[in-house]
Protein backbone atom coordinates (compact mmCIF):
# COMPACT_ATOMS: atom_id res chain seq x y z
CA UNK A 1 31.23 -22.51 31.95
CA UNK A 2 29.41 -21.81 28.67
CA UNK A 3 31.71 -21.93 25.67
CA UNK A 4 31.11 -19.50 22.83
CA UNK A 5 31.30 -20.96 19.33
CA UNK A 6 34.35 -20.15 17.23
CA UNK A 7 33.08 -18.08 14.26
CA UNK A 8 35.96 -19.40 12.16
CA UNK A 9 34.77 -22.99 12.48
CA UNK A 10 31.00 -22.59 12.91
CA UNK A 11 28.88 -22.52 9.77
CA UNK A 12 26.82 -19.36 9.61
CA UNK A 13 23.09 -19.51 8.80
CA UNK A 14 22.08 -18.08 5.48
CA UNK A 15 19.57 -15.25 5.72
CA UNK A 16 17.36 -14.61 2.71
CA UNK A 17 17.04 -10.89 2.06
CA UNK A 18 14.06 -11.29 -0.29
CA UNK A 19 10.62 -10.88 1.30
CA UNK A 20 8.49 -14.00 0.93
CA UNK A 21 4.94 -12.81 0.33
CA UNK A 22 1.97 -14.71 1.70
CA UNK A 23 0.25 -16.69 -1.04
CA UNK A 24 -3.14 -15.22 -1.92
CA UNK A 25 -5.73 -15.67 -4.61
CA UNK A 26 -5.78 -13.16 -7.48
CA UNK A 27 -8.66 -10.68 -7.38
CA UNK A 28 -9.36 -8.69 -10.54
CA UNK A 29 -10.35 -5.04 -10.31
CA UNK A 30 -10.87 -4.13 -13.96
CA UNK A 31 -7.42 -4.59 -15.55
CA UNK A 32 -5.54 -4.57 -12.21
CA UNK A 33 -4.94 -7.72 -10.19
CA UNK A 34 -4.62 -7.68 -6.41
CA UNK A 35 -2.88 -10.70 -4.86
CA UNK A 36 -1.89 -13.88 -6.65
CA UNK A 37 1.79 -12.92 -6.62
CA UNK A 38 1.21 -9.73 -8.63
CA UNK A 39 3.06 -6.55 -7.56
CA UNK A 40 1.62 -4.76 -4.53
CA UNK A 41 -1.04 -2.36 -5.86
CA UNK A 42 -1.12 1.34 -4.94
CA UNK A 43 -4.48 2.96 -4.15
CA UNK A 44 -5.88 6.31 -3.02
CA UNK A 45 -9.20 8.15 -2.75
CA UNK A 46 -10.39 11.46 -4.18
CA UNK A 47 -11.70 14.25 -1.93
CA UNK A 48 -14.27 15.61 -4.38
CA UNK A 49 -18.02 15.27 -3.90
CA UNK A 50 -18.98 12.51 -6.33
CA UNK A 51 -21.90 14.63 -7.55
CA UNK A 52 -19.29 16.96 -9.06
CA UNK A 53 -18.77 14.97 -12.25
CA UNK A 54 -16.10 17.15 -13.85
CA UNK A 55 -14.19 17.71 -10.61
CA UNK A 56 -14.21 13.98 -9.83
CA UNK A 57 -13.03 13.03 -13.31
CA UNK A 58 -10.17 15.53 -13.08
CA UNK A 59 -9.18 14.29 -9.61
CA UNK A 60 -9.23 10.64 -10.66
CA UNK A 61 -7.14 11.42 -13.71
CA UNK A 62 -4.57 13.36 -11.65
CA UNK A 63 -4.13 10.41 -9.32
CA UNK A 64 -3.97 7.82 -12.08
CA UNK A 65 -1.40 9.79 -14.08
CA UNK A 66 1.07 9.78 -11.16
CA UNK A 67 0.76 6.05 -10.49
CA UNK A 68 -2.40 5.46 -8.45
CA UNK A 69 -3.61 2.16 -9.87
CA UNK A 70 -7.04 1.98 -8.23
CA UNK A 71 -9.08 5.03 -7.18
CA UNK A 72 -11.83 5.08 -4.56
CA UNK A 73 -14.82 7.44 -4.55
CA UNK A 74 -17.35 8.07 -1.79
CA UNK A 75 -20.97 7.11 -2.45
CA UNK A 76 -23.25 8.34 0.36
CA UNK A 77 -26.54 8.24 -1.58
CA UNK A 78 -28.27 6.66 -4.56
CA UNK A 79 -27.85 9.98 -6.38
CA UNK A 80 -24.10 9.76 -5.85
CA UNK A 81 -24.17 6.17 -7.08
CA UNK A 82 -25.77 7.24 -10.36
CA UNK A 83 -23.25 10.07 -10.68
CA UNK A 84 -20.46 7.47 -10.55
CA UNK A 85 -21.89 6.00 -13.74
CA UNK A 86 -21.45 9.38 -15.43
CA UNK A 87 -17.92 9.70 -14.04
CA UNK A 88 -17.00 6.29 -15.39
CA UNK A 89 -18.38 7.11 -18.81
CA UNK A 90 -16.63 10.48 -18.98
CA UNK A 91 -13.31 8.88 -18.01
CA UNK A 92 -13.67 6.46 -20.93
CA UNK A 93 -14.50 9.27 -23.33
CA UNK A 94 -11.85 11.79 -22.27
CA UNK A 95 -9.03 9.69 -20.75
CA UNK A 96 -9.22 5.95 -20.12
CA UNK A 97 -11.09 3.38 -18.04
CA UNK A 98 -9.57 3.81 -14.56
CA UNK A 99 -10.38 1.04 -12.02
CA UNK A 100 -12.85 2.55 -9.54
CA UNK A 101 -13.97 1.48 -6.07
CA UNK A 102 -17.20 2.73 -4.49
CA UNK A 103 -17.08 3.42 -0.75
CA UNK A 104 -20.45 2.54 0.79
CA UNK A 105 -21.20 2.94 4.50
CA UNK A 106 -24.34 3.46 6.62
CA UNK A 107 -27.28 1.26 5.60
CA UNK A 108 -25.88 1.09 2.11
CA UNK A 109 -27.95 -1.75 0.65
CA UNK A 110 -29.73 0.24 -2.09
CA UNK A 111 -26.70 2.45 -2.70
CA UNK A 112 -24.36 -0.52 -3.12
CA UNK A 113 -26.68 -2.31 -5.53
CA UNK A 114 -26.98 0.81 -7.69
CA UNK A 115 -23.28 1.68 -7.76
CA UNK A 116 -22.29 -1.95 -8.41
CA UNK A 117 -23.55 -1.41 -11.96
CA UNK A 118 -20.81 1.13 -12.67
CA UNK A 119 -17.69 0.46 -10.59
CA UNK A 120 -15.14 -2.35 -10.55
CA UNK A 121 -15.19 -2.94 -6.80
CA UNK A 122 -17.47 -2.07 -3.90
CA UNK A 123 -16.10 -1.44 -0.41
CA UNK A 124 -18.43 -2.10 2.51
CA UNK A 125 -17.83 -1.67 6.26
CA UNK A 126 -19.28 -4.63 8.23
CA UNK A 127 -19.84 -2.40 11.26
CA UNK A 128 -22.03 0.01 9.30
CA UNK A 129 -23.50 -1.90 6.35
CA UNK A 130 -26.32 -3.24 8.53
CA UNK A 131 -26.75 -0.60 11.20
CA UNK A 132 -27.59 -1.86 14.70
CA UNK A 133 -29.17 0.85 16.83
CA UNK A 134 -27.30 0.74 20.16
CA UNK A 135 -29.30 -0.04 23.29
CA UNK A 136 -27.94 1.88 26.30
CA UNK A 137 -29.38 -0.68 28.72
CA UNK A 138 -27.77 -3.69 27.01
CA UNK A 139 -25.13 -5.63 28.94
CA UNK A 140 -24.72 -8.63 26.62
CA UNK A 141 -25.95 -10.41 23.50
CA UNK A 142 -27.50 -13.82 23.84
CA UNK A 143 -26.48 -16.42 21.27
CA UNK A 144 -29.95 -16.28 19.73
CA UNK A 145 -29.74 -12.48 19.39
CA UNK A 146 -26.27 -12.79 17.89
CA UNK A 147 -27.46 -15.36 15.37
CA UNK A 148 -30.61 -13.41 14.54
CA UNK A 149 -28.60 -10.32 13.60
CA UNK A 150 -26.22 -12.54 11.64
CA UNK A 151 -29.13 -13.87 9.60
CA UNK A 152 -30.34 -10.31 8.96
CA UNK A 153 -26.86 -9.41 7.73
CA UNK A 154 -26.90 -12.37 5.37
CA UNK A 155 -30.30 -11.39 3.93
CA UNK A 156 -29.15 -7.81 3.44
CA UNK A 157 -25.76 -8.69 1.97
CA UNK A 158 -26.92 -11.46 -0.39
CA UNK A 159 -28.29 -9.27 -3.23
CA UNK A 160 -25.03 -7.32 -3.44
CA UNK A 161 -22.92 -10.47 -3.35
CA UNK A 162 -24.98 -12.04 -6.11
CA UNK A 163 -24.79 -8.88 -8.22
CA UNK A 164 -21.00 -8.61 -7.92
CA UNK A 165 -20.56 -12.35 -8.42
CA UNK A 166 -22.61 -12.40 -11.59
CA UNK A 167 -20.82 -9.33 -12.97
CA UNK A 168 -17.37 -10.70 -12.13
CA UNK A 169 -16.61 -7.70 -9.93
CA UNK A 170 -14.79 -7.42 -6.60
CA UNK A 171 -15.68 -6.47 -3.04
CA UNK A 172 -13.55 -5.14 -0.20
CA UNK A 173 -14.70 -6.10 3.25
CA UNK A 174 -13.26 -3.11 5.05
CA UNK A 175 -13.32 -3.41 8.84
CA UNK A 176 -12.43 -0.30 10.85
CA UNK A 177 -11.37 -0.47 14.48
CA UNK A 178 -13.42 2.62 15.28
CA UNK A 179 -16.70 1.32 13.87
CA UNK A 180 -17.10 -2.27 15.04
CA UNK A 181 -20.70 -3.44 15.32
CA UNK A 182 -22.17 -3.39 18.84
CA UNK A 183 -22.51 -7.17 19.15
CA UNK A 184 -18.86 -7.63 18.12
CA UNK A 185 -17.82 -5.13 20.79
CA UNK A 186 -19.86 -6.96 23.45
CA UNK A 187 -18.63 -10.37 22.36
CA UNK A 188 -14.95 -9.75 21.65
CA UNK A 189 -14.27 -6.29 23.03
CA UNK A 190 -12.67 -3.38 21.23
CA UNK A 191 -9.88 -5.67 20.03
CA UNK A 192 -8.11 -6.99 16.93
CA UNK A 193 -10.00 -10.25 17.54
CA UNK A 194 -13.31 -8.42 17.17
CA UNK A 195 -12.12 -6.90 13.90
CA UNK A 196 -11.04 -10.28 12.55
CA UNK A 197 -14.26 -12.06 13.56
CA UNK A 198 -16.29 -9.29 11.92
CA UNK A 199 -14.45 -9.84 8.64
CA UNK A 200 -14.72 -13.63 8.84
CA UNK A 201 -18.49 -13.44 9.38
CA UNK A 202 -18.85 -11.57 6.08
CA UNK A 203 -16.36 -13.87 4.33
CA UNK A 204 -18.38 -16.93 5.29
CA UNK A 205 -21.56 -15.37 3.94
CA UNK A 206 -19.83 -14.62 0.64
CA UNK A 207 -18.36 -18.11 0.40
CA UNK A 208 -21.77 -19.69 1.06
CA UNK A 209 -22.96 -17.81 -2.05
CA UNK A 210 -19.98 -19.06 -4.09
CA UNK A 211 -18.37 -15.63 -4.20
CA UNK A 212 -14.64 -15.25 -3.54
CA UNK A 213 -13.56 -12.15 -5.47
CA UNK A 214 -12.78 -10.54 -2.13
CA UNK A 215 -10.16 -8.27 -0.55
CA UNK A 216 -9.96 -7.67 3.22
CA UNK A 217 -8.82 -4.66 5.24
CA UNK A 218 -8.61 -4.19 9.02
CA UNK A 219 -7.60 -0.57 9.51
CA UNK A 220 -6.97 1.27 12.76
CA UNK A 221 -5.54 4.67 13.65
CA UNK A 222 -3.20 3.09 16.20
CA UNK A 223 -0.33 1.24 14.53
CA UNK A 224 0.01 -1.60 17.11
CA UNK A 225 -3.71 -2.39 16.79
CA UNK A 226 -3.52 -2.34 12.99
CA UNK A 227 -0.47 -4.65 12.93
CA UNK A 228 -2.02 -7.09 15.42
CA UNK A 229 -5.29 -7.23 13.48
CA UNK A 230 -3.65 -8.02 10.13
CA UNK A 231 -1.34 -10.62 11.63
CA UNK A 232 -4.26 -12.31 13.37
CA UNK A 233 -6.32 -12.17 10.17
CA UNK A 234 -3.56 -13.88 8.19
CA UNK A 235 -3.27 -16.55 10.89
CA UNK A 236 -7.03 -17.17 11.05
CA UNK A 237 -7.33 -17.36 7.26
CA UNK A 238 -4.51 -19.90 7.16
CA UNK A 239 -6.35 -21.97 9.78
CA UNK A 240 -9.59 -21.77 7.79
CA UNK A 241 -8.03 -22.49 4.41
CA UNK A 242 -8.76 -18.97 3.15
CA UNK A 243 -6.34 -17.11 0.89
CA UNK A 244 -7.86 -13.67 0.37
CA UNK A 245 -5.55 -10.72 -0.37
CA UNK A 246 -5.16 -7.98 2.22
CA UNK A 247 -5.45 -4.22 1.74
CA UNK A 248 -3.11 -2.44 4.19
CA UNK A 249 -3.50 1.00 5.69
CA UNK A 250 -3.30 3.06 8.87
CA UNK A 251 -6.52 5.05 8.90
CA UNK A 252 -6.54 8.70 9.96
CA UNK A 253 -2.73 8.84 10.03
CA UNK A 254 -2.73 12.64 9.96
CA UNK A 255 -0.42 14.83 7.90
CA UNK A 256 3.17 15.88 7.45
CA UNK A 257 6.20 13.97 8.57
CA UNK A 258 4.46 12.10 11.39
CA UNK A 259 1.59 10.97 9.16
CA UNK A 260 4.12 9.48 6.75
CA UNK A 261 6.15 7.84 9.52
CA UNK A 262 3.02 6.42 11.16
CA UNK A 263 1.75 4.95 7.89
CA UNK A 264 5.17 3.53 7.05
CA UNK A 265 5.53 1.97 10.51
CA UNK A 266 2.34 -0.01 10.05
CA UNK A 267 2.40 -0.81 6.35
CA UNK A 268 6.12 -1.59 6.02
CA UNK A 269 6.14 -3.81 9.11
CA UNK A 270 3.45 -6.04 7.65
CA UNK A 271 4.88 -6.04 4.13
CA UNK A 272 8.22 -7.15 5.60
CA UNK A 273 6.32 -10.07 7.16
CA UNK A 274 5.03 -10.97 3.69
CA UNK A 275 1.52 -9.72 4.55
CA UNK A 276 -0.24 -7.32 2.18
CA UNK A 277 -1.25 -7.14 -1.48
CA UNK A 278 -2.42 -3.55 -1.90
CA UNK A 279 -1.77 -0.39 0.12
CA UNK A 280 -3.09 3.08 0.76
CA UNK A 281 -1.31 5.77 2.76
CA UNK A 282 -4.08 7.90 4.28
CA UNK A 283 -2.88 11.48 4.75
CA UNK A 284 -4.79 14.61 5.69
CA UNK A 285 -3.39 16.23 2.57
CA UNK A 286 -4.11 16.26 -1.14
CA UNK A 287 -4.43 12.62 -2.28
CA UNK A 288 -1.61 13.14 -4.78
CA UNK A 289 0.77 13.43 -1.81
CA UNK A 290 0.00 9.83 -0.82
CA UNK A 291 1.28 8.15 -3.97
CA UNK A 292 5.04 8.91 -3.63
CA UNK A 293 4.94 7.60 -0.03
CA UNK A 294 3.41 4.33 -1.20
CA UNK A 295 6.02 3.79 -3.86
CA UNK A 296 8.85 4.76 -1.51
CA UNK A 297 7.69 2.14 1.01
CA UNK A 298 7.55 -0.53 -1.71
CA UNK A 299 10.95 0.43 -3.12
CA UNK A 300 12.62 0.48 0.29
CA UNK A 301 11.46 -3.10 0.85
CA UNK A 302 12.47 -4.26 -2.62
CA UNK A 303 8.87 -5.03 -3.59
CA UNK A 304 8.64 -2.59 -6.51
CA UNK A 305 11.25 -0.43 -8.21
CA UNK A 306 9.83 2.73 -9.72
CA UNK A 307 12.62 5.27 -9.12
CA UNK A 308 16.39 5.58 -8.82
CA UNK A 309 17.75 4.13 -5.57
CA UNK A 310 20.25 6.53 -3.99
CA UNK A 311 22.76 5.29 -1.42
CA UNK A 312 24.39 8.12 0.52
CA UNK A 313 26.35 8.19 3.76
CA UNK A 314 25.58 10.62 6.59
CA UNK A 315 27.94 13.56 6.57
CA UNK A 316 30.82 13.45 9.05
CA UNK A 317 34.28 14.94 9.65
CA UNK A 318 35.82 12.64 7.02
CA UNK A 319 33.59 13.93 4.23
CA UNK A 320 35.64 15.54 1.47
CA UNK A 321 32.86 17.56 -0.18
CA UNK A 322 29.45 19.07 0.63
CA UNK A 323 27.54 15.80 0.63
CA UNK A 324 24.06 17.28 0.84
CA UNK A 325 24.71 19.66 -2.04
CA UNK A 326 26.33 17.02 -4.26
CA UNK A 327 23.61 14.44 -3.58
CA UNK A 328 21.05 17.03 -4.65
CA UNK A 329 22.97 17.71 -7.90
CA UNK A 330 23.34 14.00 -8.67
CA UNK A 331 19.66 13.37 -7.97
CA UNK A 332 18.49 16.24 -10.14
CA UNK A 333 20.64 15.00 -13.02
CA UNK A 334 19.72 11.30 -12.79
CA UNK A 335 16.32 10.96 -11.07
CA UNK A 336 14.62 9.96 -14.32
CA UNK A 337 16.81 6.85 -14.77
CA UNK A 338 14.36 4.40 -13.21
CA UNK A 339 15.99 1.15 -12.19
CA UNK A 340 19.50 2.39 -11.43
CA UNK A 341 21.23 2.35 -8.03
CA UNK A 342 23.60 5.30 -7.54
CA UNK A 343 25.81 5.82 -4.49
CA UNK A 344 27.18 9.17 -3.31
CA UNK A 345 29.80 8.62 -0.60
CA UNK A 346 31.77 11.32 1.17
CA UNK A 347 35.01 9.44 1.82
CA UNK A 348 36.97 6.29 0.97
CA UNK A 349 36.38 4.72 4.41
CA UNK A 350 32.75 3.79 3.72
CA UNK A 351 32.72 4.31 -0.04
CA UNK A 352 33.45 1.11 -1.98
CA UNK A 353 32.22 -1.25 0.74
CA UNK A 354 28.92 0.44 1.58
CA UNK A 355 28.04 1.01 -2.08
CA UNK A 356 28.87 -2.52 -3.23
CA UNK A 357 25.38 -3.14 -4.60
CA UNK A 358 25.16 0.16 -6.50
CA UNK A 359 25.44 0.38 -10.27
CA UNK A 360 27.51 3.58 -10.05
CA UNK A 361 29.44 5.31 -7.31
CA UNK A 362 30.55 8.90 -6.72
CA UNK A 363 33.20 8.85 -3.99
CA UNK A 364 35.35 11.52 -2.35
CA UNK A 365 38.83 9.97 -2.28
CA UNK A 366 41.03 13.03 -1.88
CA UNK A 367 40.36 16.75 -1.51
CA UNK A 368 39.21 18.35 -4.75
CA UNK A 369 38.79 15.04 -6.64
CA UNK A 370 36.03 12.48 -7.17
CA UNK A 371 36.47 8.80 -7.96
CA UNK A 372 33.74 7.32 -10.17
CA UNK A 373 32.90 3.63 -9.86
CA UNK A 374 31.02 1.11 -11.93
CA UNK A 375 29.98 -1.42 -9.32
CA UNK A 376 33.13 -2.20 -7.31
CA UNK A 377 35.49 -1.09 -10.07
CA UNK A 378 37.05 2.38 -9.94
CA UNK A 379 36.79 3.79 -13.47
CA UNK A 380 38.40 7.22 -13.23
CA UNK A 381 39.30 10.12 -10.98
CA UNK A 382 38.06 13.58 -11.97
CA UNK A 383 38.10 17.10 -10.49
CA UNK A 384 35.19 17.66 -8.12
CA UNK A 385 33.82 20.43 -10.36
CA UNK A 386 33.38 17.86 -13.17
CA UNK A 387 32.04 15.03 -11.00
CA UNK A 388 28.36 15.11 -11.94
CA UNK A 389 29.09 15.72 -15.63
CA UNK A 390 31.54 12.80 -15.75
CA UNK A 391 29.09 10.52 -13.92
CA UNK A 392 26.54 11.26 -16.64
CA UNK A 393 29.17 10.57 -19.33
CA UNK A 394 29.96 7.19 -17.72
CA UNK A 395 26.29 6.20 -17.66
CA UNK A 396 25.97 7.29 -21.30
CA UNK A 397 29.08 5.29 -22.29
CA UNK A 398 27.45 2.20 -20.78
CA UNK A 399 24.30 2.76 -22.84
CA UNK A 400 22.13 3.20 -19.73
CA UNK A 401 21.28 6.85 -20.20
CA UNK A 402 17.88 8.01 -21.43
CA UNK A 403 16.94 11.62 -22.02
CA UNK A 404 14.52 13.03 -19.42
């Protein structure tokens, strides 16, 4: 008969609660660094037509002011590429030099070379950068056909790589599950492996030209595909001795609650694995709505702290006050105190234990009264009507209050 170990005599394994991030090389995008142990960078993309100079400048500024550290703009033509130069200049004159990424897609050779003069990073899609016209009668690619297209890709990509290398600028090799090149689909199928091999082909070309200022993304609209692709990419890079940072995102996540949950499911899962150096939450909403989601994901995982952390129990029959109402009052009074952890607990059963890591606690101990804690220490008991005011006074007495 199997004997269970005695927990009183068996040493328990120690579990580290700090995420160990995958080691990656630092990639500079203007004054922001992706990878290299730097904090995970938050990105987004404006919706404006890049030919609208004033509208684009205003949109970029709005994003940057609320914490978007790198902003992407779409560049579908050479005219748009030149407009980016004007946008960049106007940002410098009227605001500041925001790190910009140019998004270049179909047959973007001339466009990419032009816009590389003005931006800090160029994003290309391997499946679209050199467009292969599909052949309906094709059933396979021979090795010679595969290699021939690969050589054409190298010839087309080389001028851009050299330009970015010589300017000290970055490139994102952005593979999308929905736009894999035809030969990758025939060779590897519509799979995470095909996405990874597409990225590696472009990486090898860049490395052969002594260019390594690279960031990789492998986005998909289906979370399991996205997670599998990034995990496989990290594994393959480790095998090949590559250490490029990864840009995480679930493409076309949609809007509302489900769009946020879907993005979080993919991005947070990988970040918890230590995979990921920069993120974008792609919502079918105003880009400004994406930034709080990004920072909430990072804070929840302990990767960046940019807001107050609130610990609050779910309401139940033991709760001695209106928990939802009080939490709202506490949040409104203290939400500007970045860096603090504040617990709001409805009863003594879960209070002190569940809020052990909080800086301050607001606990319902008996009807009509609130107990205020500093860490695990109960400081004073006050009438419920004075609870929020006295919490503020306690924070002020500790010298941790700042005016909003």
